[in-house]
Amino acid sequence: MDRLDREFITDKVVEVIQTEISQLSCGKTNTISFLKGFILGQMSIVVMVLLVVRYLFTEDVERVKKRYIPSRLSNTPSKDAMKIASNYVTSKTYYDLIHHPPESTDWLNVLLAQLLVQYREDATLNDRLIHTLDEVLNSGVKPSFLGPIHVTELNLGEEFPIFSNARIRRSDEIESMRAEIDFEYNDQVTLGITTQLILNWPRDAFAALPISLVLSVVKFSGTLTIELVNPPATNIQPEIAIERYIAISSHSDFILDLKVQSLIGSKTKLENVPKLTDIIQTKLRNVYIDKLVYPTFVKIKVPNMWKEPHNRNDTVAAEKLEELMKDVKQA
């Protein structure tokens, strides 16, 4: 009996030891799995933060452009030459640069308002503008971490831009003047989009962070300058023809008030993140400054009607012009 009892007790002890070892192994495995998941989750967050910092907080040095006007003369123009040319034009047009009061542009506001009404009606027809924006936003090369972009909301507003106080001022260019026009636009132009921030590590499309943005332009005002830039007078025929163009730019004291609504996340969502709002507003203001604020400008080429024809189209245009002149003489 004693022997049987000892064997029974020994078997029980062995079973208890094996059970404890199994429990310890399972606990250790669970602990290792938890640690792996925790470390992977933390690394995913770090990678996502690095992506956000790289593409939202920083700016590519190669994209930073020098703000200059290539066609401007390197030498300072003669004030006497500028004065003579300006006086000639203003004397023939009865315009006093000093005492002439700013002019109303009500006629321009009415014409632009009619044009804008037509564009708004065309845009809402079968959601044409929404489909076009979807194609534009998803065309070309996109970053691999950015998912498809979809336009969810579009409102072109109900008000119209108001231009006022048109006046003529002397320009920095020789024999040139510029027009300055104040503008103001108070409305609620809204664009809403949804997309995903895709995490491609440790494998492609490992996780996706939904992002919804609604951007509204509340107020936009400033001063536009319109100037006809002529090539400098020279007795030497240049190898490459210097073009004449209209330069449109904006003063630096513009006002651009934006309203940004954001929603980030799937189950746990962050709403209207202040830092993200500041980043988007700063980026949009910088884009406007880089593209339109003086000394940068938008260039509209003015065609030269009297250049030598170099191809068939130019030849045909010249022939039609000659026929028109003959008809005028005969009349």
Protein backbone atom coordinates (compact mmCIF):
# COMPACT_ATOMS: atom_id res chain seq x y z
CA MET A 1 0.00 0.00 0.00
CA ASP A 2 2.75 2.37 0.89
CA ARG A 3 4.39 1.70 -2.40
CA LEU A 4 1.15 2.30 -4.28
CA ASP A 5 0.52 5.49 -2.35
CA ARG A 6 3.99 6.78 -3.15
CA GLU A 7 3.54 6.04 -6.86
CA PHE A 8 0.14 7.73 -6.84
CA ILE A 9 1.54 10.77 -5.07
CA THR A 10 4.47 10.88 -7.52
CA ASP A 11 2.13 10.78 -10.51
CA LYS A 12 0.06 13.59 -9.01
CA VAL A 13 3.16 15.71 -8.43
CA VAL A 14 4.33 15.12 -11.99
CA GLU A 15 0.91 16.13 -13.34
CA VAL A 16 0.90 19.30 -11.22
CA ILE A 17 4.41 20.20 -12.38
CA GLN A 18 3.51 19.61 -16.03
CA THR A 19 0.37 21.73 -15.61
CA GLU A 20 2.35 24.58 -14.09
CA ILE A 21 4.96 24.39 -16.82
CA SER A 22 2.23 24.47 -19.49
CA GLN A 23 0.60 27.48 -17.88
CA LEU A 24 3.94 29.25 -17.63
CA SER A 25 4.66 28.50 -21.32
CA CYS A 26 1.24 29.78 -22.40
CA GLY A 27 1.65 32.90 -20.29
CA LYS A 28 5.09 33.49 -21.74
CA THR A 29 3.74 33.01 -25.30
CA ASN A 30 0.89 35.41 -24.63
CA THR A 31 3.32 37.93 -23.16
CA ILE A 32 5.60 37.67 -26.21
CA SER A 33 2.63 38.06 -28.58
CA PHE A 34 1.44 41.09 -26.64
CA LEU A 35 4.90 42.64 -26.72
CA LYS A 36 5.19 42.03 -30.47
CA GLY A 37 1.82 43.61 -31.12
CA PHE A 38 2.58 46.56 -28.82
CA ILE A 39 5.97 47.22 -30.45
CA LEU A 40 4.49 46.90 -33.96
CA GLY A 41 1.70 49.31 -33.09
CA GLN A 42 4.14 51.87 -31.67
CA MET A 43 6.39 51.58 -34.72
CA SER A 44 3.37 52.08 -37.00
CA ILE A 45 2.46 55.27 -35.13
CA VAL A 46 6.07 56.53 -35.38
CA VAL A 47 6.18 55.87 -39.14
CA MET A 48 2.84 57.65 -39.62
CA VAL A 49 4.03 60.65 -37.59
CA LEU A 50 7.22 60.81 -39.68
CA LEU A 51 5.18 60.77 -42.91
CA VAL A 52 2.93 63.55 -41.64
CA VAL A 53 5.94 65.65 -40.59
CA ARG A 54 7.72 65.03 -43.89
CA TYR A 55 4.86 65.95 -46.22
CA LEU A 56 2.96 68.52 -44.16
CA PHE A 57 5.46 70.36 -41.94
CA THR A 58 8.48 70.48 -44.27
CA GLU A 59 8.94 71.85 -47.77
CA ASP A 60 11.04 70.58 -50.64
CA VAL A 61 13.96 72.90 -51.24
CA GLU A 62 13.87 72.29 -55.00
CA ARG A 63 10.32 73.64 -55.13
CA VAL A 64 11.20 76.92 -53.53
CA LYS A 65 11.31 79.41 -56.40
CA LYS A 66 13.14 82.66 -56.66
CA ARG A 67 10.63 85.46 -56.98
CA TYR A 68 11.69 87.60 -59.88
CA ILE A 69 10.48 88.84 -63.23
CA PRO A 70 12.78 87.45 -65.93
CA SER A 71 11.95 90.14 -68.47
CA ARG A 72 12.72 93.02 -66.13
CA LEU A 73 15.74 95.08 -67.07
CA SER A 74 18.80 94.62 -64.93
CA ASN A 75 19.60 98.31 -65.03
CA THR A 76 17.44 100.89 -63.32
CA PRO A 77 15.28 102.62 -65.95
CA SER A 78 15.72 106.29 -66.57
CA LYS A 79 13.16 108.35 -64.69
CA ASP A 80 13.18 110.95 -67.44
CA ALA A 81 12.34 108.33 -70.09
CA MET A 82 9.55 106.94 -67.91
CA LYS A 83 8.17 110.42 -67.32
CA ILE A 84 8.20 111.35 -71.03
CA ALA A 85 6.44 108.14 -72.11
CA SER A 86 3.88 108.35 -69.32
CA ASN A 87 3.15 112.01 -70.01
CA TYR A 88 2.64 111.30 -73.70
CA VAL A 89 0.03 108.62 -73.08
CA THR A 90 -1.76 110.42 -70.28
CA SER A 91 -1.90 113.69 -72.22
CA LYS A 92 -3.55 111.96 -75.16
CA THR A 93 -6.05 110.16 -72.90
CA TYR A 94 -6.69 113.15 -70.59
CA TYR A 95 -5.68 111.18 -67.50
CA ASP A 96 -4.00 112.91 -64.55
CA LEU A 97 -1.93 110.36 -62.62
CA ILE A 98 -1.81 112.54 -59.52
CA HIS A 99 -5.24 114.11 -59.24
CA HIS A 100 -7.47 111.67 -61.09
CA PRO A 101 -9.85 110.03 -58.57
CA PRO A 102 -10.23 106.22 -58.47
CA GLU A 103 -12.85 105.01 -60.92
CA SER A 104 -15.82 102.73 -60.41
CA THR A 105 -15.83 99.28 -61.98
CA ASP A 106 -19.53 98.57 -61.57
CA TRP A 107 -19.83 97.62 -65.24
CA LEU A 108 -17.10 95.01 -64.78
CA ASN A 109 -18.80 93.62 -61.66
CA VAL A 110 -22.07 93.17 -63.55
CA LEU A 111 -20.45 91.39 -66.48
CA LEU A 112 -18.40 89.08 -64.24
CA ALA A 113 -21.49 88.31 -62.12
CA GLN A 114 -23.43 87.23 -65.22
CA LEU A 115 -20.53 85.05 -66.31
CA LEU A 116 -20.21 83.50 -62.85
CA VAL A 117 -23.94 82.71 -62.73
CA GLN A 118 -23.63 80.80 -65.99
CA TYR A 119 -20.58 78.87 -64.76
CA ARG A 120 -22.39 77.91 -61.55
CA GLU A 121 -25.37 76.60 -63.49
CA ASP A 122 -23.13 74.59 -65.82
CA ALA A 123 -21.17 73.15 -62.88
CA THR A 124 -24.26 71.86 -61.08
CA LEU A 125 -25.64 70.19 -64.21
CA ASN A 126 -25.16 66.42 -63.71
CA ASP A 127 -22.43 67.17 -61.15
CA ARG A 128 -20.01 68.01 -63.95
CA LEU A 129 -17.60 69.95 -61.80
CA ILE A 130 -17.50 67.25 -59.09
CA HIS A 131 -16.63 64.57 -61.66
CA THR A 132 -14.00 66.83 -63.18
CA LEU A 133 -12.41 67.53 -59.81
CA ASP A 134 -12.37 63.80 -59.03
CA GLU A 135 -10.47 63.14 -62.25
CA VAL A 136 -8.02 65.98 -61.65
CA LEU A 137 -7.30 65.04 -58.03
CA ASN A 138 -6.73 61.36 -58.89
CA SER A 139 -4.79 61.89 -62.12
CA GLY A 140 -1.05 62.08 -62.42
CA VAL A 141 1.45 60.73 -59.91
CA LYS A 142 0.27 60.50 -56.31
CA PRO A 143 2.29 59.49 -53.24
CA SER A 144 2.05 55.78 -52.44
CA PHE A 145 0.81 56.57 -48.95
CA LEU A 146 -2.23 58.49 -50.22
CA GLY A 147 -5.40 56.65 -51.21
CA PRO A 148 -8.06 57.70 -53.76
CA ILE A 149 -9.46 61.21 -53.30
CA HIS A 150 -13.21 61.71 -53.60
CA VAL A 151 -15.09 65.00 -53.66
CA THR A 152 -17.97 64.78 -51.18
CA GLU A 153 -19.15 68.38 -51.10
CA LEU A 154 -18.99 71.35 -53.45
CA ASN A 155 -20.62 74.73 -53.04
CA LEU A 156 -19.70 77.63 -55.33
CA GLY A 157 -21.49 80.18 -53.15
CA GLU A 158 -24.11 82.77 -53.99
CA GLU A 159 -22.24 86.10 -53.82
CA PHE A 160 -20.03 87.77 -56.42
CA PRO A 161 -16.57 89.36 -56.30
CA ILE A 162 -16.66 93.15 -56.15
CA PHE A 163 -13.96 95.20 -57.88
CA SER A 164 -13.53 98.89 -57.07
CA ASN A 165 -11.16 101.87 -57.00
CA ALA A 166 -9.49 101.37 -60.36
CA ARG A 167 -6.53 103.73 -60.88
CA ILE A 168 -3.48 104.08 -63.10
CA ARG A 169 0.02 104.27 -61.60
CA ARG A 170 3.51 104.53 -63.05
CA SER A 171 5.28 101.21 -63.43
CA ASP A 172 8.87 100.13 -62.89
CA GLU A 173 9.10 99.36 -66.59
CA ILE A 174 10.22 101.92 -69.13
CA GLU A 175 7.33 103.43 -71.13
CA SER A 176 4.80 101.50 -69.12
CA MET A 177 2.04 102.07 -66.57
CA ARG A 178 -0.06 99.71 -64.55
CA ALA A 179 -3.67 99.53 -63.44
CA GLU A 180 -4.48 98.81 -59.80
CA ILE A 181 -7.92 97.47 -58.81
CA ASP A 182 -9.16 96.59 -55.35
CA PHE A 183 -11.27 93.45 -54.99
CA GLU A 184 -13.31 91.84 -52.22
CA TYR A 185 -15.16 88.53 -52.10
CA ASN A 186 -17.26 87.58 -49.06
CA ASP A 187 -18.98 84.23 -49.47
CA GLN A 188 -18.88 80.57 -48.46
CA VAL A 189 -17.17 78.61 -51.24
CA THR A 190 -16.80 75.07 -49.93
CA LEU A 191 -14.91 71.96 -51.07
CA GLY A 192 -15.13 68.68 -49.14
CA ILE A 193 -12.93 65.65 -49.83
CA THR A 194 -12.26 62.23 -48.31
CA THR A 195 -9.12 60.12 -48.64
CA GLN A 196 -6.95 57.66 -46.74
CA LEU A 197 -3.43 57.80 -45.35
CA ILE A 198 -2.05 54.34 -46.17
CA LEU A 199 0.71 52.74 -44.10
CA ASN A 200 2.91 50.55 -46.34
CA TRP A 201 5.09 49.06 -43.60
CA PRO A 202 5.84 46.26 -42.72
CA ARG A 203 3.88 45.34 -45.86
CA ASP A 204 1.93 47.18 -48.54
CA ALA A 205 -1.45 48.57 -47.43
CA PHE A 206 -0.82 47.38 -43.87
CA ALA A 207 -3.23 49.95 -42.41
CA ALA A 208 -5.31 52.93 -43.57
CA LEU A 209 -6.24 56.09 -41.71
CA PRO A 210 -9.43 57.74 -43.05
CA ILE A 211 -9.27 61.53 -43.44
CA SER A 212 -12.13 63.93 -44.23
CA LEU A 213 -11.55 67.61 -44.96
CA VAL A 214 -13.99 70.45 -45.65
CA LEU A 215 -12.34 73.68 -46.82
CA SER A 216 -14.30 76.94 -47.06
CA VAL A 217 -13.17 80.34 -48.35
CA VAL A 218 -14.93 82.92 -46.19
CA LYS A 219 -13.24 86.16 -47.27
CA PHE A 220 -10.75 87.04 -49.98
CA SER A 221 -9.67 90.62 -50.63
CA GLY A 222 -6.69 92.58 -51.85
CA THR A 223 -5.37 94.63 -54.77
CA LEU A 224 -4.66 93.37 -58.29
CA THR A 225 -2.18 95.00 -60.65
CA ILE A 226 -2.45 94.67 -64.44
CA GLU A 227 0.48 95.77 -66.56
CA LEU A 228 1.45 95.55 -70.21
CA VAL A 229 5.13 94.60 -70.35
CA ASN A 230 6.90 95.57 -73.58
CA PRO A 231 10.30 94.27 -74.71
CA PRO A 232 13.09 96.86 -74.41
CA ALA A 233 13.80 98.91 -77.51
CA THR A 234 16.95 97.82 -79.35
CA ASN A 235 18.58 98.26 -82.76
CA ILE A 236 19.86 94.68 -82.78
CA GLN A 237 17.54 91.93 -83.98
CA PRO A 238 17.49 89.27 -81.23
CA GLU A 239 17.85 85.60 -82.21
CA ILE A 240 14.80 84.72 -80.12
CA ALA A 241 11.86 87.08 -80.36
CA ILE A 242 11.11 88.83 -77.08
CA GLU A 243 7.42 88.53 -76.42
CA ARG A 244 5.01 91.17 -75.20
CA TYR A 245 2.65 90.12 -72.43
CA ILE A 246 0.20 91.26 -69.76
CA ALA A 247 1.39 90.65 -66.20
CA ILE A 248 -1.24 90.17 -63.49
CA SER A 249 -0.09 90.13 -59.88
CA SER A 250 -1.36 90.90 -56.39
CA HIS A 251 -0.16 93.13 -53.60
CA SER A 252 1.23 91.41 -50.54
CA ASP A 253 -1.36 92.90 -48.16
CA PHE A 254 -4.13 90.51 -49.23
CA ILE A 255 -6.63 88.88 -46.85
CA LEU A 256 -7.46 85.18 -47.20
CA ASP A 257 -9.75 83.84 -44.47
CA LEU A 258 -10.25 80.08 -44.59
CA LYS A 259 -12.33 77.71 -42.53
CA VAL A 260 -11.06 74.12 -42.27
CA GLN A 261 -13.04 71.23 -40.80
CA SER A 262 -11.21 67.93 -40.37
CA LEU A 263 -12.10 64.42 -39.20
CA ILE A 264 -9.31 61.86 -38.77
CA GLY A 265 -9.68 58.22 -37.76
CA SER A 266 -12.07 55.30 -38.08
CA LYS A 267 -13.29 54.04 -34.69
CA THR A 268 -11.66 56.73 -32.57
CA LYS A 269 -11.94 60.03 -34.43
CA LEU A 270 -10.16 63.35 -34.02
CA GLU A 271 -12.28 66.32 -35.04
CA ASN A 272 -11.03 69.76 -36.14
CA VAL A 273 -7.37 69.33 -35.21
CA PRO A 274 -6.02 72.91 -34.73
CA LYS A 275 -2.52 72.10 -35.93
CA LEU A 276 -3.81 70.53 -39.14
CA THR A 277 -5.96 73.61 -39.76
CA ASP A 278 -2.93 75.91 -39.35
CA ILE A 279 -0.85 73.74 -41.71
CA ILE A 280 -3.48 73.77 -44.48
CA GLN A 281 -4.05 77.53 -44.18
CA THR A 282 -0.31 78.23 -44.28
CA LYS A 283 0.20 75.96 -47.29
CA LEU A 284 -2.61 77.60 -49.29
CA ARG A 285 -1.40 81.09 -48.47
CA ASN A 286 2.14 80.14 -49.55
CA VAL A 287 0.81 78.78 -52.85
CA TYR A 288 -0.97 82.08 -53.54
CA ILE A 289 2.15 84.06 -52.61
CA ASP A 290 4.41 81.92 -54.81
CA LYS A 291 2.08 82.12 -57.81
CA LEU A 292 0.59 85.61 -57.79
CA VAL A 293 2.03 88.03 -55.22
CA TYR A 294 4.42 90.62 -56.70
CA PRO A 295 7.12 90.24 -57.98
CA THR A 296 5.73 86.91 -59.27
CA PHE A 297 2.83 87.18 -61.69
CA VAL A 298 0.53 85.41 -64.12
CA LYS A 299 1.59 86.06 -67.70
CA ILE A 300 -0.88 86.41 -70.58
CA LYS A 301 0.89 86.55 -73.92
CA VAL A 302 -0.05 89.33 -76.30
CA PRO A 303 0.16 88.11 -79.94
CA ASN A 304 2.36 90.01 -82.35
CA MET A 305 0.39 90.70 -85.52
CA TRP A 306 3.34 91.97 -87.56
CA LYS A 307 5.93 89.24 -87.12
CA GLU A 308 7.41 87.46 -90.12
CA PRO A 309 5.45 84.31 -91.04
CA HIS A 310 7.36 81.09 -90.29
CA ASN A 311 4.69 78.51 -90.95
CA ARG A 312 1.55 77.97 -92.96
CA ASN A 313 -0.80 79.28 -90.28
CA ASP A 314 1.12 82.54 -90.02
CA THR A 315 1.17 82.84 -93.82
CA VAL A 316 -2.59 82.36 -94.04
CA ALA A 317 -3.13 84.96 -91.31
CA ALA A 318 -0.92 87.44 -93.16
CA GLU A 319 -2.79 86.83 -96.42
CA LYS A 320 -6.16 87.37 -94.75
CA LEU A 321 -4.87 90.59 -93.23
CA GLU A 322 -3.73 91.80 -96.65
CA GLU A 323 -7.15 90.97 -98.13
CA LEU A 324 -8.83 92.89 -95.33
CA MET A 325 -6.64 95.93 -95.97
CA LYS A 326 -7.49 95.81 -99.70
CA ASP A 327 -11.20 95.67 -98.93
CA VAL A 328 -10.84 98.69 -96.62
CA LYS A 329 -9.02 100.65 -99.32
CA GLN A 330 -11.61 99.79 -101.95
CA ALA A 331 -14.43 100.82 -99.65
